[in-house]
Amino acid sequence: MKVLAIVSLIVFDFAVGIPLHMFYPYGPANGDSRLPTVDDGSSSEIYISTPFNFFGNRHRSLFVNTNGDITFLSPLITYSPEAFPYQQNTQIIAPYWGDVDTRNGGDIWFRETHDLGLLRRASTEIQAVFPEQLEFNATWIFIATWSNVAFYGADRHGRYRRCTFQCVLVTDGIHSFVMFNYYKMQWTTGTATSGDSSTGLGGIPAQVGFDAGDGQHYYAVQGSRTSDIINVPWKSNIATAGKFIFRVDMITVEQATLINECDNEICQNEGTCEDLDGLNRWRCNCIPGFTSKHCETDINECASTPCQHSGKCLDLLNAYRCHCRDGFTGNSCQTNIDECQSNPCYNNATCIDKISGWDCACLPGYTGNRCQTDIDECQSSP
């Protein structure tokens, strides 16, 4: 029972960000290559079909490294996440630079792609958070995914601790962007940097960010190399927890701009706009009487034919008015007016109510539309 209790703690004590279906597709079914199962490994030099600009430098190749980073110029097998700026001539993109060891579990996948659907998706995401890039159209994407990876030195309990994250490079050949996607993060540190073998915590936690390799220019996500970095799936620079987007082709890293879609007065007819978490996500809360995405549609309350007895319906704002035919009344012309209530018949005649009128059934000896005339039986000279 103690072992089960420990395993339960290890399985459920972690931060979760975006769901996997929001990752860019990865794995063998998508044609990815896979890094060998090693500790502190790296890919061979990967030549890319479109140049990628990084801190003002134009690159035609890169390396995917086991320990949670992508580098240019040379591979990086250093397991200890160093502070930025790191060292000269080491240009680093670090979605989660930590001591990954896939011998204890997990896979690392990567590929470049020109898939039109993914290019459109990436372009839309970038345009949504970089207002000056509304004409940006991606022509190339590189996707690297660390799937369910374990840490170095994990014991039988620590092997249950895994991390899943993704780095997506996007460019049109001139402007370059990087996306970090985080699903679950359950450890920060391997034992070689003083982490705990059962929890993967403590020691020198992971580094997240970018290094130009010139000793001057870099960017580190808040919480890097602190215990708080395990919460990176709960953070964001685009209001979607577990997702970051950066522009990286200039000498300094440019942050995405948090756009309030509601600033554009997109809701009509006094509807109120609600800015939701995520890219291009908002909702118009319409006042009564209006509907549709922008509250642009006046609800036709007459569509349900509320007026009875052939009454004519007039559509109003969140209401209707019935013009009733003679003989009917009520909000929906539902009531037949009883014309006999005014006692129009004389001489004890019986009133018969009709639509918009009445008839009098006279007693013998009386006539007229109201039975008002006494019949003179003597006129016939009986």
Protein backbone atom coordinates (compact mmCIF):
# COMPACT_ATOMS: atom_id res chain seq x y z
CA MET A 1 0.00 0.00 0.00
CA LYS A 2 2.90 2.43 0.65
CA VAL A 3 4.24 1.88 -2.82
CA LEU A 4 0.84 2.57 -4.33
CA ALA A 5 0.53 5.77 -2.31
CA ILE A 6 3.92 6.99 -3.51
CA VAL A 7 3.12 6.15 -7.13
CA SER A 8 -0.18 8.02 -6.87
CA LEU A 9 1.62 11.10 -5.64
CA ILE A 10 4.16 10.92 -8.44
CA VAL A 11 1.56 10.45 -11.14
CA PHE A 12 -0.72 13.31 -10.17
CA ASP A 13 1.59 15.98 -8.69
CA PHE A 14 2.41 18.06 -11.78
CA ALA A 15 1.40 21.00 -13.95
CA VAL A 16 -0.63 20.48 -17.12
CA GLY A 17 -0.88 23.02 -19.93
CA ILE A 18 -2.46 22.71 -23.36
CA PRO A 19 -3.93 19.35 -24.42
CA LEU A 20 -1.95 17.22 -26.86
CA HIS A 21 -4.43 17.85 -29.67
CA MET A 22 -3.26 21.48 -29.63
CA PHE A 23 0.33 20.37 -30.31
CA TYR A 24 1.50 20.36 -33.91
CA PRO A 25 1.18 16.75 -35.16
CA TYR A 26 4.20 14.63 -34.33
CA GLY A 27 5.42 11.04 -34.20
CA PRO A 28 6.03 8.27 -36.75
CA ALA A 29 2.56 8.60 -38.28
CA ASN A 30 3.56 12.12 -39.39
CA GLY A 31 6.90 11.10 -40.87
CA ASP A 32 9.05 12.24 -37.94
CA SER A 33 12.60 11.10 -37.32
CA ARG A 34 13.46 9.90 -33.82
CA LEU A 35 16.56 10.57 -31.75
CA PRO A 36 18.34 7.44 -30.50
CA THR A 37 17.56 6.31 -26.96
CA VAL A 38 20.55 7.78 -25.14
CA ASP A 39 21.62 10.13 -22.38
CA ASP A 40 23.09 13.50 -23.43
CA GLY A 41 22.75 12.79 -27.13
CA SER A 42 22.23 14.88 -30.23
CA SER A 43 21.13 14.51 -33.81
CA SER A 44 23.58 14.75 -36.63
CA GLU A 45 23.58 18.10 -38.42
CA ILE A 46 20.13 18.61 -39.96
CA TYR A 47 20.19 20.64 -43.17
CA ILE A 48 17.01 22.65 -43.61
CA SER A 49 15.41 23.62 -46.91
CA THR A 50 14.64 27.22 -45.91
CA PRO A 51 17.09 29.49 -44.06
CA PHE A 52 16.10 30.33 -40.48
CA ASN A 53 17.09 33.76 -39.13
CA PHE A 54 18.05 33.71 -35.46
CA PHE A 55 19.31 36.83 -33.67
CA GLY A 56 20.27 38.32 -37.03
CA ASN A 57 22.16 35.22 -38.19
CA ARG A 58 20.95 33.17 -41.16
CA HIS A 59 21.17 29.41 -40.60
CA ARG A 60 20.77 26.50 -43.00
CA SER A 61 21.24 23.69 -40.49
CA LEU A 62 20.48 22.86 -36.87
CA PHE A 63 20.83 20.19 -34.19
CA VAL A 64 18.14 18.61 -32.02
CA ASN A 65 19.60 17.74 -28.63
CA THR A 66 18.36 15.21 -26.09
CA ASN A 67 18.49 17.66 -23.20
CA GLY A 68 15.54 19.79 -24.29
CA ASP A 69 17.02 22.24 -26.79
CA ILE A 70 17.77 23.01 -30.43
CA THR A 71 21.09 24.59 -31.38
CA PHE A 72 22.76 26.11 -34.41
CA LEU A 73 26.45 25.90 -35.33
CA SER A 74 27.14 22.86 -33.10
CA PRO A 75 25.37 20.24 -30.96
CA LEU A 76 24.93 20.80 -27.23
CA ILE A 77 25.23 17.78 -24.95
CA THR A 78 25.70 19.72 -21.71
CA TYR A 79 23.23 18.29 -19.22
CA SER A 80 23.44 21.10 -16.67
CA PRO A 81 21.16 24.02 -17.66
CA GLU A 82 23.51 26.98 -17.55
CA ALA A 83 22.49 30.59 -17.04
CA PHE A 84 22.15 32.79 -20.13
CA PRO A 85 24.25 34.20 -21.69
CA TYR A 86 25.95 30.83 -21.92
CA GLN A 87 29.10 30.83 -24.02
CA GLN A 88 30.36 32.23 -27.30
CA ASN A 89 29.26 30.58 -30.55
CA THR A 90 26.51 28.51 -28.94
CA GLN A 91 23.15 29.63 -30.29
CA ILE A 92 20.38 27.97 -28.32
CA ILE A 93 16.62 27.60 -28.50
CA ALA A 94 15.64 26.01 -25.19
CA PRO A 95 12.02 24.95 -24.70
CA TYR A 96 13.17 23.04 -21.58
CA TRP A 97 16.92 22.62 -21.16
CA GLY A 98 17.22 19.94 -18.50
CA ASP A 99 18.87 16.55 -17.99
CA VAL A 100 16.67 14.36 -20.20
CA ASP A 101 17.47 10.64 -20.32
CA THR A 102 15.30 8.66 -22.74
CA ARG A 103 16.87 5.41 -21.52
CA ASN A 104 14.46 5.83 -18.62
CA GLY A 105 11.54 6.47 -20.95
CA GLY A 106 10.17 8.75 -23.63
CA ASP A 107 10.90 9.70 -27.24
CA ILE A 108 12.21 12.74 -29.10
CA TRP A 109 10.71 13.37 -32.54
CA PHE A 110 11.53 15.95 -35.22
CA ARG A 111 10.86 16.91 -38.84
CA GLU A 112 10.61 19.86 -41.18
CA THR A 113 7.38 20.32 -43.10
CA HIS A 114 5.78 22.36 -45.86
CA ASP A 115 2.29 21.02 -45.20
CA LEU A 116 -0.12 23.71 -46.38
CA GLY A 117 -2.58 23.15 -43.55
CA LEU A 118 0.13 23.52 -40.91
CA LEU A 119 1.58 26.56 -42.68
CA ARG A 120 -1.83 28.24 -42.63
CA ARG A 121 -2.31 27.32 -38.98
CA ALA A 122 1.08 28.75 -38.00
CA SER A 123 0.51 31.92 -40.03
CA THR A 124 -2.86 32.48 -38.36
CA GLU A 125 -1.43 31.97 -34.88
CA ILE A 126 1.41 34.41 -35.52
CA GLN A 127 -0.78 37.06 -37.16
CA ALA A 128 -3.12 36.92 -34.17
CA VAL A 129 -0.46 37.98 -31.65
CA PHE A 130 1.89 40.08 -33.80
CA PRO A 131 -0.34 42.85 -35.21
CA GLU A 132 2.41 44.16 -37.47
CA GLN A 133 2.69 40.72 -39.13
CA LEU A 134 -0.79 40.56 -40.66
CA GLU A 135 0.78 39.77 -44.05
CA PHE A 136 3.04 37.02 -42.67
CA ASN A 137 2.72 33.75 -44.56
CA ALA A 138 4.81 30.86 -43.31
CA THR A 139 6.68 28.80 -45.91
CA TRP A 140 8.56 26.40 -43.61
CA ILE A 141 8.10 24.74 -40.23
CA PHE A 142 10.37 22.60 -38.08
CA ILE A 143 8.75 20.61 -35.27
CA ALA A 144 10.67 18.99 -32.40
CA THR A 145 8.75 17.15 -29.68
CA TRP A 146 10.01 15.70 -26.42
CA SER A 147 7.29 13.15 -25.68
CA ASN A 148 6.88 11.73 -22.17
CA VAL A 149 10.63 12.00 -21.47
CA ALA A 150 12.23 10.96 -18.18
CA PHE A 151 15.17 12.50 -16.30
CA TYR A 152 18.68 11.26 -15.63
CA GLY A 153 19.16 9.28 -12.43
CA ALA A 154 15.47 8.53 -11.90
CA ASP A 155 14.84 5.67 -9.47
CA ARG A 156 11.86 3.31 -9.72
CA HIS A 157 9.57 6.04 -8.42
CA GLY A 158 11.20 8.86 -10.37
CA ARG A 159 10.63 7.03 -13.66
CA TYR A 160 6.95 7.83 -13.33
CA ARG A 161 7.84 11.52 -13.61
CA ARG A 162 7.70 12.60 -17.27
CA CYS A 163 7.68 15.78 -19.35
CA THR A 164 6.02 16.43 -22.72
CA PHE A 165 6.80 19.64 -24.59
CA GLN A 166 7.29 20.89 -28.13
CA CYS A 167 9.31 23.49 -30.02
CA VAL A 168 8.03 24.78 -33.38
CA LEU A 169 10.22 26.92 -35.65
CA VAL A 170 8.33 28.96 -38.27
CA THR A 171 9.62 31.27 -41.00
CA ASP A 172 8.80 32.85 -44.34
CA GLY A 173 12.51 32.98 -45.11
CA ILE A 174 12.85 36.45 -43.57
CA HIS A 175 10.89 36.68 -40.34
CA SER A 176 11.36 33.87 -37.84
CA PHE A 177 9.19 32.76 -34.95
CA VAL A 178 9.39 30.08 -32.27
CA MET A 179 6.50 28.46 -30.43
CA PHE A 180 6.84 26.56 -27.16
CA ASN A 181 4.01 24.14 -26.33
CA TYR A 182 3.76 22.42 -22.93
CA TYR A 183 1.51 19.54 -21.98
CA LYS A 184 2.69 18.03 -18.69
CA MET A 185 5.86 18.84 -16.75
CA GLN A 186 6.62 16.54 -13.81
CA TRP A 187 10.32 17.13 -13.17
CA THR A 188 12.89 19.92 -13.38
CA THR A 189 16.26 18.37 -12.57
CA GLY A 190 18.37 15.25 -13.04
CA THR A 191 20.48 13.79 -10.26
CA ALA A 192 23.73 14.95 -11.91
CA THR A 193 22.71 18.50 -11.03
CA SER A 194 21.62 17.59 -7.49
CA GLY A 195 18.02 16.70 -8.28
CA ASP A 196 16.11 14.15 -6.23
CA SER A 197 16.02 10.69 -7.82
CA SER A 198 12.38 10.09 -6.83
CA THR A 199 10.87 13.48 -7.65
CA GLY A 200 13.18 15.06 -10.22
CA LEU A 201 13.02 18.29 -8.22
CA GLY A 202 15.62 20.42 -6.47
CA GLY A 203 19.18 21.10 -7.62
CA ILE A 204 19.52 23.30 -10.72
CA PRO A 205 16.13 23.33 -12.50
CA ALA A 206 15.59 23.63 -16.25
CA GLN A 207 16.31 26.70 -18.39
CA VAL A 208 13.74 28.05 -20.89
CA GLY A 209 14.56 30.71 -23.45
CA PHE A 210 17.01 31.80 -26.15
CA ASP A 211 20.73 32.60 -26.35
CA ALA A 212 22.35 34.44 -29.28
CA GLY A 213 25.77 33.01 -28.45
CA ASP A 214 27.41 36.44 -28.49
CA GLY A 215 27.64 36.82 -24.73
CA GLN A 216 25.17 39.72 -24.76
CA HIS A 217 21.79 38.93 -26.24
CA TYR A 218 19.47 36.37 -24.72
CA TYR A 219 16.02 35.89 -23.27
CA ALA A 220 15.02 33.66 -20.35
CA VAL A 221 11.41 32.88 -19.49
CA GLN A 222 10.54 33.97 -15.97
CA GLY A 223 11.18 31.16 -13.49
CA SER A 224 14.04 29.60 -15.46
CA ARG A 225 16.56 27.73 -13.29
CA THR A 226 14.22 28.02 -10.30
CA SER A 227 11.74 25.56 -8.84
CA ASP A 228 8.93 27.62 -10.39
CA ILE A 229 9.83 26.47 -13.91
CA ILE A 230 7.82 23.28 -13.37
CA ASN A 231 4.77 25.56 -13.60
CA VAL A 232 5.60 26.70 -17.13
CA PRO A 233 2.49 24.88 -18.48
CA TRP A 234 0.43 27.34 -16.45
CA LYS A 235 2.20 30.33 -17.98
CA SER A 236 2.03 32.02 -21.37
CA ASN A 237 2.74 35.21 -23.27
CA ILE A 238 -0.39 34.87 -25.43
CA ALA A 239 -3.05 34.19 -22.75
CA THR A 240 -3.20 30.45 -23.53
CA ALA A 241 -1.68 28.58 -20.61
CA GLY A 242 1.10 26.30 -21.82
CA LYS A 243 1.85 28.16 -25.05
CA PHE A 244 4.42 30.84 -25.92
CA ILE A 245 5.22 32.57 -29.24
CA PHE A 246 8.34 34.68 -29.86
CA ARG A 247 9.86 36.49 -32.82
CA VAL A 248 13.57 35.63 -32.97
CA ASP A 249 15.05 36.96 -36.24
CA MET A 250 16.11 40.34 -34.80
CA ILE A 251 18.96 41.10 -32.41
CA THR A 252 16.51 40.99 -29.51
CA VAL A 253 13.65 38.58 -28.89
CA GLU A 254 10.24 40.13 -29.48
CA GLN A 255 7.35 39.09 -27.29
CA ALA A 256 3.91 38.39 -28.65
CA THR A 257 1.37 41.13 -28.08
CA LEU A 258 -1.64 40.28 -25.96
CA ILE A 259 -4.46 41.45 -28.18
CA ASN A 260 -7.86 42.26 -26.76
CA GLU A 261 -10.13 41.37 -29.65
CA CYS A 262 -12.86 43.39 -27.97
CA ASP A 263 -11.01 46.64 -28.71
CA ASN A 264 -12.36 46.48 -32.28
CA GLU A 265 -16.01 47.05 -31.27
CA ILE A 266 -17.03 43.84 -32.97
CA CYS A 267 -20.36 43.48 -31.16
CA GLN A 268 -23.32 45.34 -32.67
CA ASN A 269 -26.62 46.58 -31.24
CA GLU A 270 -25.27 47.28 -27.75
CA GLY A 271 -23.90 43.75 -27.33
CA THR A 272 -21.00 43.44 -24.88
CA CYS A 273 -17.77 41.72 -25.96
CA GLU A 274 -16.05 39.17 -23.74
CA ASP A 275 -12.37 38.49 -24.53
CA LEU A 276 -11.66 34.80 -23.94
CA ASP A 277 -8.38 33.00 -23.31
CA GLY A 278 -6.56 32.00 -26.48
CA LEU A 279 -6.01 33.28 -29.98
CA ASN A 280 -8.89 35.02 -31.76
CA ARG A 281 -11.34 33.90 -29.10
CA TRP A 282 -14.12 36.23 -28.03
CA ARG A 283 -17.84 36.15 -27.45
CA CYS A 284 -20.59 38.72 -27.91
CA ASN A 285 -23.18 38.75 -25.15
CA CYS A 286 -26.27 40.14 -26.87
CA ILE A 287 -28.99 42.20 -25.26
CA PRO A 288 -32.47 40.62 -25.37
CA GLY A 289 -33.88 40.74 -28.87
CA PHE A 290 -30.62 40.20 -30.80
CA THR A 291 -28.59 37.13 -31.70
CA SER A 292 -25.77 35.81 -34.00
CA LYS A 293 -21.99 36.02 -33.61
CA HIS A 294 -21.85 39.82 -33.65
CA CYS A 295 -25.39 40.40 -32.28
CA GLU A 296 -26.21 41.64 -35.76
CA THR A 297 -29.49 39.74 -36.12
CA ASP A 298 -32.73 41.16 -34.73
CA ILE A 299 -34.72 38.22 -33.43
CA ASN A 300 -38.09 38.14 -35.22
CA GLU A 301 -40.53 37.51 -32.41
CA CYS A 302 -43.29 37.21 -35.03
CA ALA A 303 -41.62 34.14 -36.56
CA SER A 304 -43.47 31.85 -34.17
CA THR A 305 -46.85 33.31 -35.32
CA PRO A 306 -47.91 34.37 -31.82
CA CYS A 307 -51.05 36.26 -32.91
CA GLN A 308 -54.17 34.12 -32.92
CA HIS A 309 -57.40 34.41 -34.91
CA SER A 310 -55.64 35.97 -37.92
CA GLY A 311 -54.27 38.90 -35.94
CA LYS A 312 -51.41 40.82 -37.60
CA CYS A 313 -48.01 40.68 -35.81
CA LEU A 314 -45.69 43.70 -35.50
CA ASP A 315 -42.07 42.77 -34.59
CA LEU A 316 -40.58 44.97 -31.85
CA LEU A 317 -37.27 44.86 -29.91
CA ASN A 318 -37.45 41.72 -27.79
CA ALA A 319 -41.25 41.87 -28.08
CA TYR A 320 -44.16 41.86 -30.49
CA ARG A 321 -47.56 43.54 -30.78
CA CYS A 322 -50.70 42.00 -32.21
CA HIS A 323 -53.24 44.06 -34.15
CA CYS A 324 -56.40 42.06 -33.61
CA ARG A 325 -59.36 41.61 -35.92
CA ASP A 326 -62.64 43.07 -34.76
CA GLY A 327 -64.10 40.85 -32.09
CA PHE A 328 -60.81 39.73 -30.50
CA THR A 329 -58.51 41.18 -27.87
CA GLY A 330 -55.55 40.24 -25.64
CA ASN A 331 -51.73 40.27 -26.17
CA SER A 332 -52.06 37.48 -28.71
CA CYS A 333 -55.66 38.18 -29.81
CA GLN A 334 -56.54 35.09 -27.87
CA THR A 335 -59.78 36.43 -26.33
CA ASN A 336 -63.07 36.56 -28.18
CA ILE A 337 -64.85 39.78 -27.13
CA ASP A 338 -68.31 38.96 -25.72
CA GLU A 339 -70.53 41.56 -27.38
CA CYS A 340 -73.48 40.32 -25.30
CA GLN A 341 -71.95 41.77 -22.13
CA SER A 342 -73.49 45.15 -22.93
CA ASN A 343 -77.00 43.57 -22.93
CA PRO A 344 -77.96 44.81 -26.40
CA CYS A 345 -81.20 42.78 -26.57
CA TYR A 346 -84.47 44.14 -25.17
CA ASN A 347 -87.60 42.59 -23.83
CA ASN A 348 -85.95 39.54 -22.29
CA ALA A 349 -84.57 38.40 -25.62
CA THR A 350 -81.61 35.99 -25.64
CA CYS A 351 -78.30 37.45 -26.89
CA ILE A 352 -76.18 35.18 -29.13
CA ASP A 353 -72.50 36.24 -29.24
CA LYS A 354 -70.86 36.13 -32.67
CA ILE A 355 -67.43 37.19 -33.96
CA SER A 356 -67.48 40.99 -34.01
CA GLY A 357 -71.22 41.09 -33.47
CA TRP A 358 -74.32 39.60 -31.89
CA ASP A 359 -77.83 38.37 -32.66
CA CYS A 360 -80.95 38.64 -30.54
CA ALA A 361 -83.37 35.69 -30.28
CA CYS A 362 -86.66 37.46 -29.57
CA LEU A 363 -89.53 36.20 -27.50
CA PRO A 364 -92.84 35.77 -29.33
CA GLY A 365 -94.44 39.12 -29.96
CA TYR A 366 -91.21 41.06 -30.47
CA THR A 367 -89.01 41.83 -33.45
CA GLY A 368 -86.14 44.06 -34.58
CA ASN A 369 -82.38 43.56 -34.41
CA ARG A 370 -82.59 44.19 -30.68
CA CYS A 371 -86.11 42.80 -30.21
CA GLN A 372 -87.07 46.35 -29.45
CA THR A 373 -90.35 46.38 -31.43
CA ASP A 374 -93.64 45.02 -30.10
CA ILE A 375 -95.40 43.29 -32.97
CA ASP A 376 -98.91 44.73 -33.52
CA GLU A 377 -100.96 41.62 -34.10
CA CYS A 378 -104.02 43.83 -34.90
CA GLN A 379 -102.41 45.10 -38.12
CA SER A 380 -103.64 41.98 -39.87
CA SER A 381 -107.26 42.89 -38.98
CA PRO A 382 -107.88 39.50 -37.40
